[in-house]
Amino acid sequence: MPSALSVIQLVLSLCALAATSAAAILWNPIDADFVNRADDAGWDQTMLLPHQMELSLVVNASVLISFVLVVIAFCGVLAQRRQARVPATTNPPATV
């Protein structure tokens, strides 16, 4: 059975993935709306958010990082389950 700490890490990383995915899903239409407004005004850059490209990059990178954390936590839980299944090998008595 995996340790409680690794299971908690997996649950927290899944929560982080859900939160960052929700932020990305909510951010993408907002970003598209600002770009469309600037485009309709003849590409008026004053209608864009300050550092809009960097904001998009950070939102998408946070989703990627949280996904990597989920994969690492899942691999840790699997490794602990496999380690618990393998019986401990005892050293055979030495023959003289």
Protein backbone atom coordinates (compact mmCIF):
# COMPACT_ATOMS: atom_id res chain seq x y z
CA MET A 1 0.00 0.00 0.00
CA PRO A 2 1.42 3.43 -0.88
CA SER A 3 2.20 5.82 1.94
CA ALA A 4 -0.32 8.46 2.94
CA LEU A 5 2.10 11.20 1.97
CA SER A 6 2.35 10.04 -1.64
CA VAL A 7 -1.43 9.73 -1.91
CA ILE A 8 -1.86 13.22 -0.48
CA GLN A 9 0.70 14.50 -2.99
CA LEU A 10 -1.26 12.90 -5.82
CA VAL A 11 -4.56 14.38 -4.62
CA LEU A 12 -3.05 17.85 -4.21
CA SER A 13 -1.43 17.73 -7.64
CA LEU A 14 -4.78 16.68 -9.15
CA CYS A 15 -6.42 19.65 -7.42
CA ALA A 16 -3.71 21.96 -8.78
CA LEU A 17 -4.28 20.55 -12.27
CA ALA A 18 -8.02 21.16 -11.97
CA ALA A 19 -7.48 24.73 -10.76
CA THR A 20 -4.96 25.64 -13.45
CA SER A 21 -7.08 24.01 -16.14
CA ALA A 22 -10.10 26.01 -15.01
CA ALA A 23 -8.01 29.19 -15.08
CA ALA A 24 -6.81 28.39 -18.60
CA ILE A 25 -10.33 27.60 -19.79
CA LEU A 26 -11.58 30.90 -18.37
CA TRP A 27 -8.58 32.90 -19.61
CA ASN A 28 -8.63 31.84 -23.27
CA PRO A 29 -11.97 33.52 -24.19
CA ILE A 30 -10.94 36.68 -22.31
CA ASP A 31 -7.66 36.76 -24.21
CA ALA A 32 -9.42 36.19 -27.54
CA ASP A 33 -11.91 38.96 -26.77
CA PHE A 34 -9.14 41.51 -26.10
CA VAL A 35 -7.32 40.49 -29.30
CA ASN A 36 -10.52 40.75 -31.37
CA ARG A 37 -11.31 44.19 -29.96
CA ALA A 38 -7.81 45.42 -30.77
CA ASP A 39 -8.06 43.90 -34.25
CA ASP A 40 -11.45 45.50 -34.91
CA ALA A 41 -9.98 48.88 -33.97
CA GLY A 42 -7.24 48.52 -36.58
CA TRP A 43 -4.86 46.78 -34.20
CA ASP A 44 -4.87 49.37 -31.46
CA GLN A 45 -2.37 47.97 -28.97
CA THR A 46 -3.71 50.21 -26.22
CA MET A 47 -6.79 47.95 -26.11
CA LEU A 48 -4.69 44.95 -25.15
CA LEU A 49 -3.90 44.05 -21.57
CA PRO A 50 -0.41 44.95 -20.38
CA HIS A 51 1.85 41.93 -20.82
CA GLN A 52 -0.98 39.95 -22.40
CA MET A 53 1.32 37.51 -24.20
CA GLU A 54 3.23 36.81 -21.00
CA LEU A 55 -0.03 36.21 -19.13
CA SER A 56 -1.10 33.67 -21.72
CA LEU A 57 2.28 31.98 -21.54
CA VAL A 58 2.15 31.76 -17.74
CA VAL A 59 -1.39 30.35 -17.73
CA ASN A 60 -0.52 27.67 -20.26
CA ALA A 61 2.80 26.86 -18.59
CA SER A 62 1.10 26.43 -15.22
CA VAL A 63 -1.24 23.83 -16.73
CA LEU A 64 1.74 21.99 -18.19
CA ILE A 65 3.70 22.11 -14.92
CA SER A 66 0.74 20.87 -12.89
CA PHE A 67 0.24 18.03 -15.38
CA VAL A 68 3.89 17.04 -14.95
CA LEU A 69 3.40 17.09 -11.18
CA VAL A 70 0.42 14.74 -11.53
CA VAL A 71 2.47 12.34 -13.64
CA ILE A 72 5.36 12.38 -11.15
CA ALA A 73 3.01 11.83 -8.19
CA PHE A 74 1.23 9.01 -10.01
CA CYS A 75 4.55 7.32 -10.81
CA GLY A 76 5.52 7.62 -7.15
CA VAL A 77 2.30 5.95 -6.01
CA LEU A 78 2.78 3.16 -8.57
CA ALA A 79 6.38 2.61 -7.52
CA GLN A 80 5.39 2.30 -3.89
CA ARG A 81 2.63 -0.16 -4.74
CA ARG A 82 5.04 -2.28 -6.76
CA GLN A 83 7.61 -2.16 -3.98
CA ALA A 84 5.00 -3.28 -1.43
CA ARG A 85 4.01 -6.25 -3.64
CA VAL A 86 7.52 -7.60 -4.03
CA PRO A 87 8.29 -9.75 -0.98
CA ALA A 88 11.45 -8.91 0.84
CA THR A 89 14.15 -11.39 -0.11
CA THR A 90 15.96 -12.91 2.77
CA ASN A 91 19.58 -13.82 2.57
CA PRO A 92 20.03 -17.59 2.33
CA PRO A 93 22.32 -19.15 4.90
CA ALA A 94 25.92 -19.23 3.86
CA THR A 95 27.23 -22.63 2.86
CA VAL A 96 30.69 -23.55 3.88
